[in-house]
Amino acid sequence: MDEDHQGRPTRGKPQTFRLGNIVRIVSGPFVSFTGKIEGINQAKALLKVKVAIYGRNKPIKLNFADVENVSAS
């Protein structure tokens, strides 16, 4: 697996994200949590993902590289 300029592993093919998709967080403090995409910022490569934390849905901003697609809605 190759690495990007910040030392993070990169995937072979780019992922396509759509509103409503379910994603799994693969890095950071919320690793292995899943959530629903509520917003996409292509220019900054950021996603707003709603994640259930302690029974409450909280929006979290994540880089594209920090998540992987689980399913489409």
PDB file of N, CA and C in Angstrom:
ATOM      1  N   MET A   1       0.848  -1.182   0.000  1.00  0.00           N
ATOM      2  CA  MET A   1       0.000   0.000   0.000  1.00  0.00           C
ATOM      3  C   MET A   1       0.888   1.239   0.000  1.00  0.00           C
ATOM      4  N   ASP A   2       0.557   2.234  -0.801  1.00  0.00           N
ATOM      5  CA  ASP A   2       1.320   3.474  -0.863  1.00  0.00           C
ATOM      6  C   ASP A   2       0.911   4.393   0.276  1.00  0.00           C
ATOM      7  N   GLU A   3       1.713   5.464   0.468  1.00  0.00           N
ATOM      8  CA  GLU A   3       1.390   6.451   1.487  1.00  0.00           C
ATOM      9  C   GLU A   3       1.283   7.818   0.840  1.00  0.00           C
ATOM     10  N   ASP A   4       0.411   8.675   1.408  1.00  0.00           N
ATOM     11  CA  ASP A   4       0.315  10.031   0.898  1.00  0.00           C
ATOM     12  C   ASP A   4       1.407  10.894   1.520  1.00  0.00           C
ATOM     13  N   HIS A   5       1.403  12.191   1.235  1.00  0.00           N
ATOM     14  CA  HIS A   5       2.464  13.077   1.716  1.00  0.00           C
ATOM     15  C   HIS A   5       2.467  13.260   3.229  1.00  0.00           C
ATOM     16  N   GLN A   6       1.409  12.853   3.932  1.00  0.00           N
ATOM     17  CA  GLN A   6       1.371  12.951   5.388  1.00  0.00           C
ATOM     18  C   GLN A   6       1.594  11.602   6.054  1.00  0.00           C
ATOM     19  N   GLY A   7       1.972  10.574   5.279  1.00  0.00           N
ATOM     20  CA  GLY A   7       2.285   9.279   5.855  1.00  0.00           C
ATOM     21  C   GLY A   7       1.098   8.367   6.066  1.00  0.00           C
ATOM     22  N   ARG A   8      -0.095   8.797   5.641  1.00  0.00           N
ATOM     23  CA  ARG A   8      -1.280   7.948   5.783  1.00  0.00           C
ATOM     24  C   ARG A   8      -1.348   6.972   4.623  1.00  0.00           C
ATOM     25  N   PRO A   9      -1.815   5.749   4.860  1.00  0.00           N
ATOM     26  CA  PRO A   9      -1.960   4.805   3.748  1.00  0.00           C
ATOM     27  C   PRO A   9      -3.009   5.290   2.757  1.00  0.00           C
ATOM     28  N   THR A  10      -2.772   5.058   1.481  1.00  0.00           N
ATOM     29  CA  THR A  10      -3.747   5.409   0.453  1.00  0.00           C
ATOM     30  C   THR A  10      -4.326   4.139  -0.143  1.00  0.00           C
ATOM     31  N   ARG A  11      -5.519   4.227  -0.660  1.00  0.00           N
ATOM     32  CA  ARG A  11      -6.188   3.090  -1.256  1.00  0.00           C
ATOM     33  C   ARG A  11      -5.911   3.076  -2.755  1.00  0.00           C
ATOM     34  N   GLY A  12      -6.078   1.919  -3.375  1.00  0.00           N
ATOM     35  CA  GLY A  12      -5.820   1.763  -4.797  1.00  0.00           C
ATOM     36  C   GLY A  12      -6.725   2.602  -5.667  1.00  0.00           C
ATOM     37  N   LYS A  13      -8.031   2.657  -5.358  1.00  0.00           N
ATOM     38  CA  LYS A  13      -8.946   3.437  -6.179  1.00  0.00           C
ATOM     39  C   LYS A  13      -9.667   4.460  -5.302  1.00  0.00           C
ATOM     40  N   PRO A  14      -9.979   5.639  -5.861  1.00  0.00           N
ATOM     41  CA  PRO A  14     -10.664   6.656  -5.068  1.00  0.00           C
ATOM     42  C   PRO A  14     -12.104   6.228  -4.753  1.00  0.00           C
ATOM     43  N   GLN A  15     -12.577   6.664  -3.607  1.00  0.00           N
ATOM     44  CA  GLN A  15     -13.945   6.333  -3.196  1.00  0.00           C
ATOM     45  C   GLN A  15     -14.895   7.434  -3.663  1.00  0.00           C
ATOM     46  N   THR A  16     -16.131   7.054  -3.929  1.00  0.00           N
ATOM     47  CA  THR A  16     -17.173   8.007  -4.277  1.00  0.00           C
ATOM     48  C   THR A  16     -18.145   8.078  -3.112  1.00  0.00           C
ATOM     49  N   PHE A  17     -18.377   9.279  -2.606  1.00  0.00           N
ATOM     50  CA  PHE A  17     -19.280   9.470  -1.477  1.00  0.00           C
ATOM     51  C   PHE A  17     -20.531  10.186  -1.947  1.00  0.00           C
ATOM     52  N   ARG A  18     -21.677   9.778  -1.402  1.00  0.00           N
ATOM     53  CA  ARG A  18     -22.959  10.420  -1.704  1.00  0.00           C
ATOM     54  C   ARG A  18     -23.706  10.659  -0.397  1.00  0.00           C
ATOM     55  N   LEU A  19     -24.543  11.699  -0.395  1.00  0.00           N
ATOM     56  CA  LEU A  19     -25.361  11.985   0.781  1.00  0.00           C
ATOM     57  C   LEU A  19     -26.206  10.767   1.121  1.00  0.00           C
ATOM     58  N   GLY A  20     -26.261  10.423   2.389  1.00  0.00           N
ATOM     59  CA  GLY A  20     -27.062   9.292   2.841  1.00  0.00           C
ATOM     60  C   GLY A  20     -26.307   7.985   2.915  1.00  0.00           C
ATOM     61  N   ASN A  21     -25.096   7.907   2.314  1.00  0.00           N
ATOM     62  CA  ASN A  21     -24.303   6.678   2.406  1.00  0.00           C
ATOM     63  C   ASN A  21     -23.896   6.410   3.853  1.00  0.00           C
ATOM     64  N   ILE A  22     -23.748   5.141   4.173  1.00  0.00           N
ATOM     65  CA  ILE A  22     -23.234   4.737   5.479  1.00  0.00           C
ATOM     66  C   ILE A  22     -21.739   4.492   5.326  1.00  0.00           C
ATOM     67  N   VAL A  23     -20.948   5.093   6.237  1.00  0.00           N
ATOM     68  CA  VAL A  23     -19.502   4.943   6.196  1.00  0.00           C
ATOM     69  C   VAL A  23     -18.990   4.464   7.551  1.00  0.00           C
ATOM     70  N   ARG A  24     -17.814   3.820   7.522  1.00  0.00           N
ATOM     71  CA  ARG A  24     -17.130   3.381   8.741  1.00  0.00           C
ATOM     72  C   ARG A  24     -15.884   4.243   8.900  1.00  0.00           C
ATOM     73  N   ILE A  25     -15.648   4.737  10.104  1.00  0.00           N
ATOM     74  CA  ILE A  25     -14.469   5.548  10.384  1.00  0.00           C
ATOM     75  C   ILE A  25     -13.283   4.608  10.572  1.00  0.00           C
ATOM     76  N   VAL A  26     -12.188   4.883   9.856  1.00  0.00           N
ATOM     77  CA  VAL A  26     -11.030   3.981   9.879  1.00  0.00           C
ATOM     78  C   VAL A  26      -9.810   4.577  10.578  1.00  0.00           C
ATOM     79  N   SER A  27      -9.876   5.847  10.994  1.00  0.00           N
ATOM     80  CA  SER A  27      -8.765   6.431  11.733  1.00  0.00           C
ATOM     81  C   SER A  27      -9.272   7.536  12.642  1.00  0.00           C
ATOM     82  N   GLY A  28      -8.486   7.848  13.660  1.00  0.00           N
ATOM     83  CA  GLY A  28      -8.856   8.890  14.605  1.00  0.00           C
ATOM     84  C   GLY A  28      -9.521   8.329  15.847  1.00  0.00           C
ATOM     85  N   PRO A  29     -10.031   9.207  16.709  1.00  0.00           N
ATOM     86  CA  PRO A  29     -10.591   8.767  17.991  1.00  0.00           C
ATOM     87  C   PRO A  29     -11.899   7.985  17.876  1.00  0.00           C
ATOM     88  N   PHE A  30     -12.580   8.077  16.740  1.00  0.00           N
ATOM     89  CA  PHE A  30     -13.860   7.381  16.570  1.00  0.00           C
ATOM     90  C   PHE A  30     -13.735   6.168  15.652  1.00  0.00           C
ATOM     91  N   VAL A  31     -12.540   5.584  15.575  1.00  0.00           N
ATOM     92  CA  VAL A  31     -12.290   4.438  14.706  1.00  0.00           C
ATOM     93  C   VAL A  31     -13.296   3.327  14.985  1.00  0.00           C
ATOM     94  N   SER A  32     -13.803   2.701  13.938  1.00  0.00           N
ATOM     95  CA  SER A  32     -14.786   1.610  13.921  1.00  0.00           C
ATOM     96  C   SER A  32     -16.229   2.065  14.144  1.00  0.00           C
ATOM     97  N   PHE A  33     -16.461   3.348  14.423  1.00  0.00           N
ATOM     98  CA  PHE A  33     -17.833   3.856  14.476  1.00  0.00           C
ATOM     99  C   PHE A  33     -18.369   3.927  13.055  1.00  0.00           C
ATOM    100  N   THR A  34     -19.683   3.791  12.909  1.00  0.00           N
ATOM    101  CA  THR A  34     -20.310   3.992  11.610  1.00  0.00           C
ATOM    102  C   THR A  34     -21.274   5.170  11.710  1.00  0.00           C
ATOM    103  N   GLY A  35     -21.521   5.804  10.569  1.00  0.00           N
ATOM    104  CA  GLY A  35     -22.426   6.939  10.553  1.00  0.00           C
ATOM    105  C   GLY A  35     -22.929   7.206   9.152  1.00  0.00           C
ATOM    106  N   LYS A  36     -23.850   8.154   9.065  1.00  0.00           N
ATOM    107  CA  LYS A  36     -24.496   8.505   7.800  1.00  0.00           C
ATOM    108  C   LYS A  36     -23.962   9.847   7.318  1.00  0.00           C
ATOM    109  N   ILE A  37     -23.614   9.918   6.029  1.00  0.00           N
ATOM    110  CA  ILE A  37     -23.102  11.162   5.456  1.00  0.00           C
ATOM    111  C   ILE A  37     -24.236  12.183   5.361  1.00  0.00           C
ATOM    112  N   GLU A  38     -24.021  13.348   5.986  1.00  0.00           N
ATOM    113  CA  GLU A  38     -25.013  14.424   5.984  1.00  0.00           C
ATOM    114  C   GLU A  38     -24.554  15.616   5.142  1.00  0.00           C
ATOM    115  N   GLY A  39     -23.255  15.687   4.839  1.00  0.00           N
ATOM    116  CA  GLY A  39     -22.737  16.794   4.042  1.00  0.00           C
ATOM    117  C   GLY A  39     -21.408  16.424   3.414  1.00  0.00           C
ATOM    118  N   ILE A  40     -21.132  17.023   2.247  1.00  0.00           N
ATOM    119  CA  ILE A  40     -19.891  16.746   1.515  1.00  0.00           C
ATOM    120  C   ILE A  40     -19.296  18.070   1.053  1.00  0.00           C
ATOM    121  N   ASN A  41     -18.013  18.279   1.342  1.00  0.00           N
ATOM    122  CA  ASN A  41     -17.279  19.441   0.851  1.00  0.00           C
ATOM    123  C   ASN A  41     -16.158  18.925  -0.040  1.00  0.00           C
ATOM    124  N   GLN A  42     -16.403  18.907  -1.350  1.00  0.00           N
ATOM    125  CA  GLN A  42     -15.432  18.388  -2.312  1.00  0.00           C
ATOM    126  C   GLN A  42     -14.149  19.221  -2.311  1.00  0.00           C
ATOM    127  N   ALA A  43     -14.262  20.542  -2.199  1.00  0.00           N
ATOM    128  CA  ALA A  43     -13.100  21.423  -2.277  1.00  0.00           C
ATOM    129  C   ALA A  43     -12.083  21.131  -1.170  1.00  0.00           C
ATOM    130  N   LYS A  44     -12.577  20.824   0.027  1.00  0.00           N
ATOM    131  CA  LYS A  44     -11.690  20.544   1.165  1.00  0.00           C
ATOM    132  C   LYS A  44     -11.557  19.054   1.458  1.00  0.00           C
ATOM    133  N   ALA A  45     -12.230  18.207   0.681  1.00  0.00           N
ATOM    134  CA  ALA A  45     -12.219  16.747   0.881  1.00  0.00           C
ATOM    135  C   ALA A  45     -12.681  16.383   2.289  1.00  0.00           C
ATOM    136  N   LEU A  46     -13.796  17.010   2.720  1.00  0.00           N
ATOM    137  CA  LEU A  46     -14.352  16.761   4.050  1.00  0.00           C
ATOM    138  C   LEU A  46     -15.771  16.220   3.946  1.00  0.00           C
ATOM    139  N   LEU A  47     -16.118  15.378   4.922  1.00  0.00           N
ATOM    140  CA  LEU A  47     -17.472  14.865   5.051  1.00  0.00           C
ATOM    141  C   LEU A  47     -18.035  15.272   6.404  1.00  0.00           C
ATOM    142  N   LYS A  48     -19.330  15.546   6.460  1.00  0.00           N
ATOM    143  CA  LYS A  48     -20.013  15.699   7.743  1.00  0.00           C
ATOM    144  C   LYS A  48     -20.802  14.421   7.938  1.00  0.00           C
ATOM    145  N   VAL A  49     -20.442  13.661   8.977  1.00  0.00           N
ATOM    146  CA  VAL A  49     -21.031  12.350   9.234  1.00  0.00           C
ATOM    147  C   VAL A  49     -21.731  12.381  10.583  1.00  0.00           C
ATOM    148  N   LYS A  50     -22.997  11.927  10.628  1.00  0.00           N
ATOM    149  CA  LYS A  50     -23.726  11.812  11.895  1.00  0.00           C
ATOM    150  C   LYS A  50     -23.415  10.462  12.512  1.00  0.00           C
ATOM    151  N   VAL A  51     -22.850  10.495  13.730  1.00  0.00           N
ATOM    152  CA  VAL A  51     -22.430   9.291  14.430  1.00  0.00           C
ATOM    153  C   VAL A  51     -23.147   9.243  15.778  1.00  0.00           C
ATOM    154  N   ALA A  52     -23.638   8.057  16.149  1.00  0.00           N
ATOM    155  CA  ALA A  52     -24.291   7.886  17.453  1.00  0.00           C
ATOM    156  C   ALA A  52     -23.216   7.725  18.523  1.00  0.00           C
ATOM    157  N   ILE A  53     -23.136   8.720  19.421  1.00  0.00           N
ATOM    158  CA  ILE A  53     -22.178   8.689  20.521  1.00  0.00           C
ATOM    159  C   ILE A  53     -22.973   8.817  21.816  1.00  0.00           C
ATOM    160  N   TYR A  54     -22.865   7.812  22.663  1.00  0.00           N
ATOM    161  CA  TYR A  54     -23.627   7.760  23.922  1.00  0.00           C
ATOM    162  C   TYR A  54     -25.121   7.964  23.679  1.00  0.00           C
ATOM    163  N   GLY A  55     -25.635   7.361  22.614  1.00  0.00           N
ATOM    164  CA  GLY A  55     -27.056   7.401  22.335  1.00  0.00           C
ATOM    165  C   GLY A  55     -27.550   8.670  21.660  1.00  0.00           C
ATOM    166  N   ARG A  56     -26.658   9.588  21.335  1.00  0.00           N
ATOM    167  CA  ARG A  56     -27.054  10.831  20.665  1.00  0.00           C
ATOM    168  C   ARG A  56     -26.325  10.940  19.338  1.00  0.00           C
ATOM    169  N   ASN A  57     -27.028  11.395  18.303  1.00  0.00           N
ATOM    170  CA  ASN A  57     -26.411  11.599  17.000  1.00  0.00           C
ATOM    171  C   ASN A  57     -25.665  12.922  16.986  1.00  0.00           C
ATOM    172  N   LYS A  58     -24.364  12.849  16.737  1.00  0.00           N
ATOM    173  CA  LYS A  58     -23.519  14.035  16.700  1.00  0.00           C
ATOM    174  C   LYS A  58     -22.871  14.153  15.329  1.00  0.00           C
ATOM    175  N   PRO A  59     -22.846  15.347  14.742  1.00  0.00           N
ATOM    176  CA  PRO A  59     -22.151  15.525  13.463  1.00  0.00           C
ATOM    177  C   PRO A  59     -20.647  15.635  13.705  1.00  0.00           C
ATOM    178  N   ILE A  60     -19.869  14.928  12.889  1.00  0.00           N
ATOM    179  CA  ILE A  60     -18.407  14.957  12.985  1.00  0.00           C
ATOM    180  C   ILE A  60     -17.865  15.257  11.596  1.00  0.00           C
ATOM    181  N   LYS A  61     -16.888  16.159  11.510  1.00  0.00           N
ATOM    182  CA  LYS A  61     -16.239  16.461  10.229  1.00  0.00           C
ATOM    183  C   LYS A  61     -15.027  15.554  10.088  1.00  0.00           C
ATOM    184  N   LEU A  62     -14.947  14.852   8.952  1.00  0.00           N
ATOM    185  CA  LEU A  62     -13.886  13.892   8.695  1.00  0.00           C
ATOM    186  C   LEU A  62     -13.326  14.069   7.295  1.00  0.00           C
ATOM    187  N   ASN A  63     -12.042  13.776   7.140  1.00  0.00           N
ATOM    188  CA  ASN A  63     -11.422  13.756   5.808  1.00  0.00           C
ATOM    189  C   ASN A  63     -11.900  12.531   5.052  1.00  0.00           C
ATOM    190  N   PHE A  64     -11.859  12.610   3.725  1.00  0.00           N
ATOM    191  CA  PHE A  64     -12.229  11.461   2.904  1.00  0.00           C
ATOM    192  C   PHE A  64     -11.393  10.239   3.271  1.00  0.00           C
ATOM    193  N   ALA A  65     -10.109  10.438   3.581  1.00  0.00           N
ATOM    194  CA  ALA A  65      -9.203   9.325   3.882  1.00  0.00           C
ATOM    195  C   ALA A  65      -9.512   8.660   5.225  1.00  0.00           C
ATOM    196  N   ASP A  66     -10.317   9.310   6.073  1.00  0.00           N
ATOM    197  CA  ASP A  66     -10.606   8.776   7.406  1.00  0.00           C
ATOM    198  C   ASP A  66     -11.797   7.830   7.433  1.00  0.00           C
ATOM    199  N   VAL A  67     -12.472   7.632   6.284  1.00  0.00           N
ATOM    200  CA  VAL A  67     -13.661   6.784   6.252  1.00  0.00           C
ATOM    201  C   VAL A  67     -13.616   5.829   5.069  1.00  0.00           C
ATOM    202  N   GLU A  68     -14.435   4.776   5.154  1.00  0.00           N
ATOM    203  CA  GLU A  68     -14.634   3.864   4.022  1.00  0.00           C
ATOM    204  C   GLU A  68     -16.122   3.608   3.881  1.00  0.00           C
ATOM    205  N   ASN A  69     -16.571   3.432   2.642  1.00  0.00           N
ATOM    206  CA  ASN A  69     -17.980   3.155   2.377  1.00  0.00           C
ATOM    207  C   ASN A  69     -18.375   1.798   2.939  1.00  0.00           C
ATOM    208  N   VAL A  70     -19.533   1.739   3.581  1.00  0.00           N
ATOM    209  CA  VAL A  70     -20.101   0.473   4.035  1.00  0.00           C
ATOM    210  C   VAL A  70     -21.246   0.093   3.124  1.00  0.00           C
ATOM    211  N   SER A  71     -22.165   1.046   2.881  1.00  0.00           N
ATOM    212  CA  SER A  71     -23.286   0.781   1.987  1.00  0.00           C
ATOM    213  C   SER A  71     -23.844   2.099   1.461  1.00  0.00           C
ATOM    214  N   ALA A  72     -24.561   1.994   0.367  1.00  0.00           N
ATOM    215  CA  ALA A  72     -25.241   3.156  -0.208  1.00  0.00           C
ATOM    216  C   ALA A  72     -26.688   3.129   0.256  1.00  0.00           C
ATOM    217  N   SER A  73     -27.282   4.310   0.329  1.00  0.00           N
ATOM    218  CA  SER A  73     -28.695   4.358   0.755  1.00  0.00           C
ATOM    219  C   SER A  73     -29.628   4.227  -0.404  1.00  0.00           C
TER     220      SER A  73
END
